Amino acid sequence: MNLLAIFAIAVALAIDSFVVALTSGIRLKRVTPAQTLRIGGVFGGFQFLMPVIGWGLGIGAHSYIEKYDHWIAFVLLAFVGGRMIREALSHKGSGSSAFYDPTQTGTLLLLGVATSLDALAVGLSFALLSMPIWLPALIIGIVCFIISAAGLHMGRLIIRLPGLGSVGGKANILGGMVLIVIGLNILQQHGVFG
């Protein structure tokens, strides 16, 4: 898999973190550099860690499922992408900020885990395809850090602009579609489409 594909995966995986950071920025009265580092660091850190864990779980099972690995990778990516699209369509504009206090460490850690679970499946699919994980995980973590930090600051701006409250749902739909297309590309690379 080339760097562009890994970057596309990283952006798709960071969409949930972006939406949470965006809603956090909307809720905060002002955004400090410490808050930016904290939210970016927690979300980026979990996005780095989860693919490594998924890869570790999947590498041991590779010899048993080598014949079907590309199908499993496609199903995992399509499942994650489909779930992102479904959640975006079923929570149109509702956001996840109703219960969220971005200043509490416990809440931030829980959201870091929740927004990075999709990366676990991506790490597993990398293992099934016998791909190395460290560089992709690093790229995924860095991209998530940057996107989350940007989302936090955009939240402060977005609240002032009329008609942009539903941007989170649209971003989740786009992220889900990217994951599904990457899954289809994996099938194409394994000759499924002739």
N, C-alpha and C. Protein backbone atom coordinates (compact mmCIF):
# COMPACT_ATOMS: atom_id res chain seq x y z
N MET A 1 0.85 -1.18 0.00
CA MET A 1 0.00 0.00 0.00
C MET A 1 0.90 1.24 0.00
N ASN A 2 0.58 2.20 -0.84
CA ASN A 2 1.42 3.38 -0.95
C ASN A 2 1.06 4.41 0.12
N LEU A 3 1.91 5.44 0.22
CA LEU A 3 1.72 6.46 1.25
C LEU A 3 0.43 7.24 1.08
N LEU A 4 0.01 7.44 -0.15
CA LEU A 4 -1.24 8.16 -0.39
C LEU A 4 -2.43 7.39 0.18
N ALA A 5 -2.44 6.08 -0.02
CA ALA A 5 -3.52 5.25 0.52
C ALA A 5 -3.50 5.26 2.05
N ILE A 6 -2.30 5.19 2.63
CA ILE A 6 -2.18 5.23 4.10
C ILE A 6 -2.66 6.58 4.62
N PHE A 7 -2.31 7.66 3.92
CA PHE A 7 -2.77 8.99 4.33
C PHE A 7 -4.29 9.08 4.24
N ALA A 8 -4.87 8.51 3.17
CA ALA A 8 -6.34 8.53 3.03
C ALA A 8 -7.00 7.77 4.17
N ILE A 9 -6.42 6.61 4.57
CA ILE A 9 -6.94 5.86 5.70
C ILE A 9 -6.84 6.70 6.97
N ALA A 10 -5.70 7.37 7.14
CA ALA A 10 -5.49 8.20 8.34
C ALA A 10 -6.53 9.30 8.43
N VAL A 11 -6.80 9.95 7.32
CA VAL A 11 -7.80 11.03 7.31
C VAL A 11 -9.18 10.46 7.62
N ALA A 12 -9.53 9.33 7.01
CA ALA A 12 -10.83 8.71 7.26
C ALA A 12 -10.98 8.33 8.73
N LEU A 13 -9.93 7.77 9.32
CA LEU A 13 -9.99 7.37 10.72
C LEU A 13 -10.07 8.56 11.66
N ALA A 14 -9.53 9.69 11.25
CA ALA A 14 -9.51 10.88 12.11
C ALA A 14 -10.83 11.65 12.11
N ILE A 15 -11.77 11.27 11.26
CA ILE A 15 -13.02 12.02 11.15
C ILE A 15 -13.79 12.04 12.47
N ASP A 16 -13.89 10.90 13.15
CA ASP A 16 -14.61 10.88 14.43
C ASP A 16 -13.95 11.80 15.44
N SER A 17 -12.62 11.75 15.51
CA SER A 17 -11.89 12.63 16.42
C SER A 17 -12.09 14.09 16.06
N PHE A 18 -12.10 14.37 14.77
CA PHE A 18 -12.33 15.73 14.30
C PHE A 18 -13.68 16.24 14.77
N VAL A 19 -14.72 15.41 14.62
CA VAL A 19 -16.07 15.82 15.01
C VAL A 19 -16.14 16.09 16.51
N VAL A 20 -15.53 15.21 17.30
CA VAL A 20 -15.53 15.41 18.75
C VAL A 20 -14.75 16.68 19.11
N ALA A 21 -13.60 16.88 18.48
CA ALA A 21 -12.81 18.08 18.75
C ALA A 21 -13.57 19.33 18.32
N LEU A 22 -14.26 19.24 17.20
CA LEU A 22 -15.05 20.36 16.71
C LEU A 22 -16.14 20.74 17.72
N THR A 23 -16.88 19.74 18.20
CA THR A 23 -17.93 20.02 19.19
C THR A 23 -17.32 20.51 20.50
N SER A 24 -16.13 20.05 20.82
CA SER A 24 -15.44 20.53 22.03
C SER A 24 -15.10 22.01 21.88
N GLY A 25 -14.61 22.38 20.70
CA GLY A 25 -14.29 23.78 20.45
C GLY A 25 -15.51 24.67 20.53
N ILE A 26 -16.65 24.15 20.09
CA ILE A 26 -17.89 24.91 20.18
C ILE A 26 -18.28 25.14 21.63
N ARG A 27 -18.05 24.13 22.47
CA ARG A 27 -18.45 24.22 23.88
C ARG A 27 -17.50 25.06 24.73
N LEU A 28 -16.24 25.12 24.36
CA LEU A 28 -15.27 25.87 25.16
C LEU A 28 -15.43 27.37 24.94
N LYS A 29 -15.27 28.12 25.99
CA LYS A 29 -15.35 29.58 25.86
C LYS A 29 -14.13 30.12 25.11
N ARG A 30 -12.98 29.52 25.36
CA ARG A 30 -11.78 29.87 24.60
C ARG A 30 -10.88 28.65 24.55
N VAL A 31 -10.08 28.54 23.49
CA VAL A 31 -9.22 27.38 23.29
C VAL A 31 -7.77 27.78 23.55
N THR A 32 -7.12 27.07 24.50
CA THR A 32 -5.74 27.37 24.86
C THR A 32 -4.79 26.39 24.16
N PRO A 33 -3.51 26.74 24.06
CA PRO A 33 -2.53 25.79 23.50
C PRO A 33 -2.49 24.47 24.29
N ALA A 34 -2.65 24.54 25.61
CA ALA A 34 -2.64 23.31 26.42
C ALA A 34 -3.82 22.41 26.06
N GLN A 35 -4.98 22.99 25.84
CA GLN A 35 -6.15 22.20 25.45
C GLN A 35 -5.94 21.59 24.06
N THR A 36 -5.33 22.36 23.19
CA THR A 36 -5.05 21.87 21.83
C THR A 36 -4.11 20.66 21.89
N LEU A 37 -3.03 20.77 22.65
CA LEU A 37 -2.09 19.65 22.78
C LEU A 37 -2.73 18.45 23.45
N ARG A 38 -3.56 18.71 24.44
CA ARG A 38 -4.18 17.62 25.18
C ARG A 38 -5.15 16.83 24.31
N ILE A 39 -6.04 17.51 23.63
CA ILE A 39 -7.02 16.82 22.78
C ILE A 39 -6.32 16.16 21.59
N GLY A 40 -5.42 16.89 20.94
CA GLY A 40 -4.68 16.30 19.83
C GLY A 40 -3.83 15.12 20.27
N GLY A 41 -3.18 15.24 21.42
CA GLY A 41 -2.33 14.17 21.93
C GLY A 41 -3.10 12.93 22.32
N VAL A 42 -4.23 13.10 22.98
CA VAL A 42 -5.04 11.93 23.38
C VAL A 42 -5.61 11.24 22.15
N PHE A 43 -6.23 12.01 21.27
CA PHE A 43 -6.83 11.39 20.08
C PHE A 43 -5.76 10.80 19.16
N GLY A 44 -4.68 11.55 18.91
CA GLY A 44 -3.61 11.04 18.06
C GLY A 44 -2.91 9.84 18.67
N GLY A 45 -2.72 9.87 20.00
CA GLY A 45 -2.09 8.74 20.68
C GLY A 45 -2.89 7.45 20.57
N PHE A 46 -4.20 7.56 20.77
CA PHE A 46 -5.04 6.36 20.63
C PHE A 46 -5.11 5.89 19.19
N GLN A 47 -5.13 6.83 18.24
CA GLN A 47 -5.17 6.44 16.83
C GLN A 47 -3.86 5.77 16.41
N PHE A 48 -2.75 6.10 17.06
CA PHE A 48 -1.49 5.41 16.81
C PHE A 48 -1.50 4.02 17.45
N LEU A 49 -1.98 3.93 18.68
CA LEU A 49 -1.91 2.70 19.45
C LEU A 49 -2.86 1.61 18.94
N MET A 50 -4.07 1.97 18.58
CA MET A 50 -5.07 0.97 18.20
C MET A 50 -4.70 0.15 16.96
N PRO A 51 -4.14 0.74 15.89
CA PRO A 51 -3.74 -0.11 14.77
C PRO A 51 -2.63 -1.09 15.15
N VAL A 52 -1.74 -0.67 16.03
CA VAL A 52 -0.66 -1.55 16.48
C VAL A 52 -1.25 -2.75 17.24
N ILE A 53 -2.23 -2.48 18.10
CA ILE A 53 -2.89 -3.56 18.85
C ILE A 53 -3.62 -4.49 17.88
N GLY A 54 -4.38 -3.91 16.95
CA GLY A 54 -5.10 -4.72 15.96
C GLY A 54 -4.16 -5.55 15.12
N TRP A 55 -3.03 -4.97 14.73
CA TRP A 55 -2.04 -5.69 13.94
C TRP A 55 -1.47 -6.86 14.75
N GLY A 56 -1.17 -6.60 16.02
CA GLY A 56 -0.64 -7.66 16.88
C GLY A 56 -1.62 -8.81 17.04
N LEU A 57 -2.90 -8.50 17.15
CA LEU A 57 -3.91 -9.55 17.26
C LEU A 57 -4.04 -10.33 15.96
N GLY A 58 -3.92 -9.63 14.84
CA GLY A 58 -4.13 -10.27 13.55
C GLY A 58 -2.95 -11.05 13.03
N ILE A 59 -1.74 -10.69 13.40
CA ILE A 59 -0.55 -11.33 12.84
C ILE A 59 -0.48 -12.81 13.21
N GLY A 60 -0.95 -13.17 14.40
CA GLY A 60 -0.93 -14.57 14.82
C GLY A 60 -1.92 -15.43 14.05
N ALA A 61 -2.97 -14.81 13.52
CA ALA A 61 -4.00 -15.58 12.83
C ALA A 61 -3.78 -15.64 11.32
N HIS A 62 -2.74 -14.99 10.81
CA HIS A 62 -2.57 -14.86 9.37
C HIS A 62 -2.44 -16.19 8.63
N SER A 63 -1.68 -17.11 9.17
CA SER A 63 -1.46 -18.37 8.46
C SER A 63 -2.73 -19.18 8.29
N TYR A 64 -3.72 -18.95 9.14
CA TYR A 64 -4.97 -19.68 9.07
C TYR A 64 -5.94 -19.11 8.03
N ILE A 65 -5.79 -17.86 7.71
CA ILE A 65 -6.78 -17.22 6.84
C ILE A 65 -6.15 -16.52 5.63
N GLU A 66 -4.94 -16.94 5.26
CA GLU A 66 -4.21 -16.27 4.18
C GLU A 66 -4.98 -16.26 2.86
N LYS A 67 -5.71 -17.32 2.58
CA LYS A 67 -6.44 -17.42 1.32
C LYS A 67 -7.56 -16.39 1.21
N TYR A 68 -8.09 -15.96 2.35
CA TYR A 68 -9.23 -15.05 2.36
C TYR A 68 -8.89 -13.68 2.95
N ASP A 69 -7.62 -13.39 3.15
CA ASP A 69 -7.24 -12.18 3.87
C ASP A 69 -7.75 -10.90 3.23
N HIS A 70 -7.70 -10.83 1.90
CA HIS A 70 -8.17 -9.61 1.24
C HIS A 70 -9.67 -9.41 1.41
N TRP A 71 -10.42 -10.52 1.45
CA TRP A 71 -11.87 -10.41 1.68
C TRP A 71 -12.15 -9.96 3.11
N ILE A 72 -11.39 -10.48 4.04
CA ILE A 72 -11.57 -10.08 5.44
C ILE A 72 -11.24 -8.61 5.61
N ALA A 73 -10.14 -8.16 4.98
CA ALA A 73 -9.77 -6.75 5.04
C ALA A 73 -10.87 -5.88 4.45
N PHE A 74 -11.41 -6.31 3.30
CA PHE A 74 -12.50 -5.55 2.69
C PHE A 74 -13.72 -5.48 3.60
N VAL A 75 -14.11 -6.63 4.17
CA VAL A 75 -15.29 -6.66 5.05
C VAL A 75 -15.09 -5.75 6.26
N LEU A 76 -13.89 -5.80 6.86
CA LEU A 76 -13.62 -4.94 8.02
C LEU A 76 -13.72 -3.46 7.65
N LEU A 77 -13.07 -3.08 6.55
CA LEU A 77 -13.10 -1.68 6.13
C LEU A 77 -14.50 -1.25 5.71
N ALA A 78 -15.22 -2.13 5.00
CA ALA A 78 -16.59 -1.80 4.60
C ALA A 78 -17.51 -1.70 5.82
N PHE A 79 -17.29 -2.57 6.80
CA PHE A 79 -18.10 -2.51 8.03
C PHE A 79 -17.88 -1.19 8.76
N VAL A 80 -16.61 -0.83 8.93
CA VAL A 80 -16.29 0.42 9.63
C VAL A 80 -16.83 1.61 8.84
N GLY A 81 -16.60 1.63 7.53
CA GLY A 81 -17.09 2.72 6.70
C GLY A 81 -18.60 2.80 6.70
N GLY A 82 -19.25 1.65 6.59
CA GLY A 82 -20.72 1.62 6.62
C GLY A 82 -21.27 2.11 7.94
N ARG A 83 -20.62 1.73 9.03
CA ARG A 83 -21.07 2.18 10.35
C ARG A 83 -20.93 3.69 10.49
N MET A 84 -19.82 4.24 9.98
CA MET A 84 -19.63 5.69 10.03
C MET A 84 -20.74 6.40 9.26
N ILE A 85 -21.07 5.88 8.08
CA ILE A 85 -22.13 6.50 7.26
C ILE A 85 -23.48 6.36 7.96
N ARG A 86 -23.77 5.17 8.49
CA ARG A 86 -25.06 4.94 9.17
C ARG A 86 -25.22 5.87 10.37
N GLU A 87 -24.15 6.00 11.17
CA GLU A 87 -24.23 6.87 12.35
C GLU A 87 -24.43 8.32 11.94
N ALA A 88 -23.77 8.73 10.86
CA ALA A 88 -23.93 10.12 10.40
C ALA A 88 -25.35 10.38 9.94
N LEU A 89 -25.95 9.41 9.25
CA LEU A 89 -27.31 9.59 8.75
C LEU A 89 -28.36 9.48 9.86
N SER A 90 -28.10 8.67 10.88
CA SER A 90 -29.08 8.49 11.95
C SER A 90 -28.99 9.56 13.02
N HIS A 91 -27.88 10.31 13.08
CA HIS A 91 -27.72 11.37 14.08
C HIS A 91 -27.55 12.72 13.39
N LYS A 92 -28.31 12.93 12.34
CA LYS A 92 -28.17 14.15 11.54
C LYS A 92 -28.12 15.39 12.40
N GLY A 93 -26.93 15.99 12.45
CA GLY A 93 -26.77 17.26 13.13
C GLY A 93 -26.91 17.22 14.63
N SER A 94 -27.15 16.02 15.21
CA SER A 94 -27.36 15.99 16.67
C SER A 94 -26.06 16.14 17.42
N GLY A 95 -24.94 15.64 16.82
CA GLY A 95 -23.63 15.76 17.47
C GLY A 95 -23.55 14.89 18.70
N SER A 96 -22.36 14.84 19.31
CA SER A 96 -22.17 14.03 20.50
C SER A 96 -21.81 14.88 21.69
N SER A 97 -22.14 16.16 21.62
CA SER A 97 -21.66 17.08 22.65
C SER A 97 -22.63 17.26 23.80
N ALA A 98 -23.81 16.63 23.77
CA ALA A 98 -24.80 16.88 24.80
C ALA A 98 -24.30 16.50 26.19
N PHE A 99 -23.49 15.45 26.29
CA PHE A 99 -23.01 14.99 27.59
C PHE A 99 -21.53 15.29 27.80
N TYR A 100 -20.91 15.91 26.85
CA TYR A 100 -19.45 15.95 26.77
C TYR A 100 -18.88 17.20 27.43
N ASP A 101 -18.00 16.97 28.38
CA ASP A 101 -17.24 18.06 28.99
C ASP A 101 -15.78 17.86 28.61
N PRO A 102 -15.26 18.62 27.64
CA PRO A 102 -13.91 18.37 27.12
C PRO A 102 -12.80 18.68 28.11
N THR A 103 -13.12 19.28 29.25
CA THR A 103 -12.07 19.64 30.21
C THR A 103 -11.78 18.52 31.20
N GLN A 104 -12.59 17.48 31.24
CA GLN A 104 -12.38 16.39 32.20
C GLN A 104 -11.53 15.29 31.58
N THR A 105 -10.46 14.92 32.28
CA THR A 105 -9.53 13.92 31.76
C THR A 105 -10.21 12.59 31.49
N GLY A 106 -11.06 12.13 32.41
CA GLY A 106 -11.74 10.85 32.23
C GLY A 106 -12.59 10.83 30.97
N THR A 107 -13.32 11.89 30.75
CA THR A 107 -14.16 11.99 29.55
C THR A 107 -13.30 12.00 28.30
N LEU A 108 -12.22 12.75 28.33
CA LEU A 108 -11.33 12.84 27.17
C LEU A 108 -10.72 11.48 26.84
N LEU A 109 -10.30 10.72 27.86
CA LEU A 109 -9.73 9.38 27.62
C LEU A 109 -10.77 8.43 27.04
N LEU A 110 -11.99 8.48 27.57
CA LEU A 110 -13.05 7.62 27.03
C LEU A 110 -13.35 7.96 25.58
N LEU A 111 -13.40 9.25 25.28
CA LEU A 111 -13.63 9.65 23.90
C LEU A 111 -12.46 9.27 23.00
N GLY A 112 -11.24 9.31 23.54
CA GLY A 112 -10.08 8.87 22.76
C GLY A 112 -10.18 7.41 22.37
N VAL A 113 -10.60 6.57 23.31
CA VAL A 113 -10.79 5.15 23.01
C VAL A 113 -11.93 4.98 22.02
N ALA A 114 -13.06 5.62 22.29
CA ALA A 114 -14.25 5.46 21.44
C ALA A 114 -14.00 5.89 20.00
N THR A 115 -13.25 6.97 19.81
CA THR A 115 -13.01 7.45 18.45
C THR A 115 -11.91 6.69 17.73
N SER A 116 -11.20 5.80 18.43
CA SER A 116 -10.10 5.09 17.79
C SER A 116 -10.38 3.60 17.60
N LEU A 117 -11.56 3.12 17.97
CA LEU A 117 -11.85 1.70 17.82
C LEU A 117 -11.83 1.26 16.36
N ASP A 118 -12.21 2.14 15.45
CA ASP A 118 -12.16 1.80 14.03
C ASP A 118 -10.72 1.50 13.59
N ALA A 119 -9.76 2.16 14.21
CA ALA A 119 -8.35 1.95 13.85
C ALA A 119 -7.88 0.55 14.24
N LEU A 120 -8.52 -0.06 15.23
CA LEU A 120 -8.20 -1.44 15.62
C LEU A 120 -8.46 -2.38 14.45
N ALA A 121 -9.62 -2.21 13.80
CA ALA A 121 -9.96 -3.05 12.65
C ALA A 121 -9.01 -2.81 11.48
N VAL A 122 -8.59 -1.57 11.30
CA VAL A 122 -7.64 -1.27 10.22
C VAL A 122 -6.30 -1.95 10.49
N GLY A 123 -5.84 -1.92 11.74
CA GLY A 123 -4.60 -2.61 12.09
C GLY A 123 -4.70 -4.11 11.84
N LEU A 124 -5.84 -4.68 12.18
CA LEU A 124 -6.07 -6.11 11.93
C LEU A 124 -6.01 -6.41 10.44
N SER A 125 -6.62 -5.55 9.62
CA SER A 125 -6.58 -5.78 8.18
C SER A 125 -5.16 -5.65 7.63
N PHE A 126 -4.34 -4.76 8.20
CA PHE A 126 -2.94 -4.66 7.78
C PHE A 126 -2.20 -5.96 8.09
N ALA A 127 -2.47 -6.56 9.24
CA ALA A 127 -1.83 -7.82 9.60
C ALA A 127 -2.23 -8.93 8.64
N LEU A 128 -3.52 -8.95 8.29
CA LEU A 128 -4.02 -9.99 7.40
C LEU A 128 -3.41 -9.88 6.00
N LEU A 129 -3.00 -8.67 5.65
CA LEU A 129 -2.37 -8.44 4.35
C LEU A 129 -0.84 -8.51 4.44
N SER A 130 -0.31 -8.91 5.60
CA SER A 130 1.13 -9.01 5.86
C SER A 130 1.85 -7.69 5.60
N MET A 131 1.24 -6.61 6.00
CA MET A 131 1.84 -5.29 5.83
C MET A 131 2.45 -4.84 7.14
N PRO A 132 3.57 -4.11 7.09
CA PRO A 132 4.15 -3.57 8.33
C PRO A 132 3.21 -2.52 8.93
N ILE A 133 3.31 -2.29 10.23
CA ILE A 133 2.36 -1.40 10.90
C ILE A 133 2.96 -0.11 11.41
N TRP A 134 4.25 -0.07 11.73
CA TRP A 134 4.79 1.08 12.46
C TRP A 134 4.67 2.39 11.71
N LEU A 135 5.05 2.43 10.44
CA LEU A 135 4.94 3.68 9.67
C LEU A 135 3.47 4.08 9.47
N PRO A 136 2.59 3.15 9.05
CA PRO A 136 1.17 3.54 8.94
C PRO A 136 0.59 4.02 10.27
N ALA A 137 0.92 3.36 11.38
CA ALA A 137 0.39 3.78 12.67
C ALA A 137 0.88 5.16 13.04
N LEU A 138 2.15 5.44 12.75
CA LEU A 138 2.71 6.76 13.03
C LEU A 138 2.01 7.83 12.20
N ILE A 139 1.80 7.55 10.91
CA ILE A 139 1.10 8.50 10.04
C ILE A 139 -0.32 8.72 10.54
N ILE A 140 -1.01 7.63 10.89
CA ILE A 140 -2.38 7.73 11.39
C ILE A 140 -2.43 8.59 12.65
N GLY A 141 -1.49 8.39 13.57
CA GLY A 141 -1.46 9.16 14.80
C GLY A 141 -1.18 10.63 14.57
N ILE A 142 -0.22 10.93 13.71
CA ILE A 142 0.15 12.33 13.43
C ILE A 142 -1.00 13.06 12.72
N VAL A 143 -1.59 12.40 11.73
CA VAL A 143 -2.71 13.01 11.01
C VAL A 143 -3.86 13.28 11.95
N CYS A 144 -4.16 12.33 12.84
CA CYS A 144 -5.24 12.52 13.79
C CYS A 144 -4.93 13.67 14.75
N PHE A 145 -3.70 13.77 15.20
CA PHE A 145 -3.30 14.87 16.08
C PHE A 145 -3.59 16.21 15.39
N ILE A 146 -3.14 16.35 14.15
CA ILE A 146 -3.29 17.60 13.42
C ILE A 146 -4.77 17.91 13.17
N ILE A 147 -5.51 16.90 12.71
CA ILE A 147 -6.93 17.11 12.39
C ILE A 147 -7.73 17.43 13.65
N SER A 148 -7.43 16.76 14.75
CA SER A 148 -8.14 17.02 16.00
C SER A 148 -7.84 18.43 16.52
N ALA A 149 -6.58 18.81 16.48
CA ALA A 149 -6.21 20.16 16.92
C ALA A 149 -6.89 21.21 16.05
N ALA A 150 -6.90 20.98 14.74
CA ALA A 150 -7.57 21.91 13.84
C ALA A 150 -9.07 21.96 14.12
N GLY A 151 -9.66 20.79 14.38
CA GLY A 151 -11.09 20.72 14.67
C GLY A 151 -11.46 21.51 15.91
N LEU A 152 -10.61 21.45 16.92
CA LEU A 152 -10.86 22.19 18.15
C LEU A 152 -10.96 23.69 17.88
N HIS A 153 -10.02 24.19 17.07
CA HIS A 153 -10.02 25.62 16.75
C HIS A 153 -11.14 25.99 15.77
N MET A 154 -11.44 25.09 14.87
CA MET A 154 -12.54 25.35 13.94
C MET A 154 -13.87 25.44 14.67
N GLY A 155 -14.01 24.67 15.75
CA GLY A 155 -15.23 24.73 16.54
C GLY A 155 -15.52 26.12 17.06
N ARG A 156 -14.48 26.82 17.46
CA ARG A 156 -14.64 28.20 17.93
C ARG A 156 -15.11 29.12 16.81
N LEU A 157 -14.68 28.83 15.58
CA LEU A 157 -15.08 29.66 14.44
C LEU A 157 -16.45 29.28 13.91
N ILE A 158 -16.73 27.99 13.90
CA ILE A 158 -17.93 27.49 13.25
C ILE A 158 -19.22 27.94 13.95
N ILE A 159 -19.13 28.14 15.24
CA ILE A 159 -20.33 28.54 15.98
C ILE A 159 -20.83 29.92 15.54
N ARG A 160 -19.94 30.69 14.94
CA ARG A 160 -20.31 32.04 14.49
C ARG A 160 -20.88 32.05 13.08
N LEU A 161 -20.77 30.94 12.36
CA LEU A 161 -21.21 30.90 10.97
C LEU A 161 -22.56 30.19 10.85
N PRO A 162 -23.56 30.81 10.27
CA PRO A 162 -24.88 30.19 10.14
C PRO A 162 -24.87 29.06 9.12
N GLY A 163 -25.65 28.00 9.42
CA GLY A 163 -25.85 26.91 8.47
C GLY A 163 -24.75 25.87 8.40
N LEU A 164 -23.77 25.90 9.29
CA LEU A 164 -22.67 24.93 9.23
C LEU A 164 -22.71 23.91 10.37
N GLY A 165 -23.80 23.81 11.06
CA GLY A 165 -23.90 22.89 12.19
C GLY A 165 -23.86 21.42 11.81
N SER A 166 -24.18 21.09 10.55
CA SER A 166 -24.23 19.68 10.16
C SER A 166 -22.95 19.20 9.49
N VAL A 167 -21.87 19.96 9.56
CA VAL A 167 -20.62 19.57 8.90
C VAL A 167 -20.08 18.25 9.42
N GLY A 168 -20.31 17.94 10.69
CA GLY A 168 -19.80 16.70 11.27
C GLY A 168 -20.37 15.48 10.59
N GLY A 169 -21.68 15.45 10.38
CA GLY A 169 -22.31 14.31 9.72
C GLY A 169 -21.80 14.12 8.31
N LYS A 170 -21.63 15.21 7.57
CA LYS A 170 -21.12 15.12 6.20
C LYS A 170 -19.68 14.61 6.19
N ALA A 171 -18.88 15.02 7.16
CA ALA A 171 -17.50 14.54 7.24
C ALA A 171 -17.48 13.05 7.53
N ASN A 172 -18.37 12.56 8.40
CA ASN A 172 -18.43 11.13 8.69
C ASN A 172 -18.84 10.33 7.47
N ILE A 173 -19.77 10.85 6.68
CA ILE A 173 -20.19 10.17 5.45
C ILE A 173 -19.01 10.06 4.49
N LEU A 174 -18.28 11.16 4.30
CA LEU A 174 -17.11 11.14 3.43
C LEU A 174 -16.05 10.16 3.95
N GLY A 175 -15.78 10.17 5.25
CA GLY A 175 -14.81 9.25 5.83
C GLY A 175 -15.20 7.80 5.63
N GLY A 176 -16.49 7.49 5.81
CA GLY A 176 -16.97 6.12 5.59
C GLY A 176 -16.82 5.69 4.14
N MET A 177 -17.13 6.60 3.22
CA MET A 177 -16.99 6.29 1.81
C MET A 177 -15.52 6.03 1.44
N VAL A 178 -14.60 6.79 2.02
CA VAL A 178 -13.17 6.59 1.75
C VAL A 178 -12.75 5.19 2.19
N LEU A 179 -13.17 4.76 3.38
CA LEU A 179 -12.80 3.41 3.86
C LEU A 179 -13.35 2.32 2.94
N ILE A 180 -14.58 2.47 2.47
CA ILE A 180 -15.17 1.47 1.57
C ILE A 180 -14.41 1.42 0.25
N VAL A 181 -14.06 2.58 -0.29
CA VAL A 181 -13.29 2.62 -1.55
C VAL A 181 -11.92 1.98 -1.37
N ILE A 182 -11.27 2.20 -0.25
CA ILE A 182 -9.98 1.56 0.01
C ILE A 182 -10.15 0.05 0.08
N GLY A 183 -11.22 -0.41 0.72
CA GLY A 183 -11.50 -1.85 0.76
C GLY A 183 -11.69 -2.43 -0.64
N LEU A 184 -12.42 -1.72 -1.48
CA LEU A 184 -12.61 -2.17 -2.87
C LEU A 184 -11.28 -2.18 -3.62
N ASN A 185 -10.41 -1.22 -3.34
CA ASN A 185 -9.10 -1.18 -3.97
C ASN A 185 -8.26 -2.39 -3.57
N ILE A 186 -8.37 -2.83 -2.33
CA ILE A 186 -7.65 -4.03 -1.88
C ILE A 186 -8.12 -5.25 -2.67
N LEU A 187 -9.43 -5.37 -2.86
CA LEU A 187 -9.96 -6.48 -3.67
C LEU A 187 -9.43 -6.40 -5.10
N GLN A 188 -9.39 -5.21 -5.67
CA GLN A 188 -8.89 -5.03 -7.02
C GLN A 188 -7.41 -5.43 -7.12
N GLN A 189 -6.62 -5.07 -6.11
CA GLN A 189 -5.20 -5.42 -6.10
C GLN A 189 -4.98 -6.93 -6.01
N HIS A 190 -5.95 -7.66 -5.46
CA HIS A 190 -5.85 -9.12 -5.36
C HIS A 190 -6.55 -9.82 -6.52
N GLY A 191 -6.89 -9.08 -7.56
CA GLY A 191 -7.44 -9.67 -8.79
C GLY A 191 -8.87 -10.12 -8.70
N VAL A 192 -9.64 -9.68 -7.73
CA VAL A 192 -11.02 -10.12 -7.59
C VAL A 192 -11.88 -9.65 -8.76
N PHE A 193 -11.59 -8.49 -9.30
CA PHE A 193 -12.41 -7.93 -10.37
C PHE A 193 -11.86 -8.25 -11.77
N GLY A 194 -10.93 -9.21 -11.82
CA GLY A 194 -10.40 -9.64 -13.11
C GLY A 194 -9.25 -8.91 -13.51
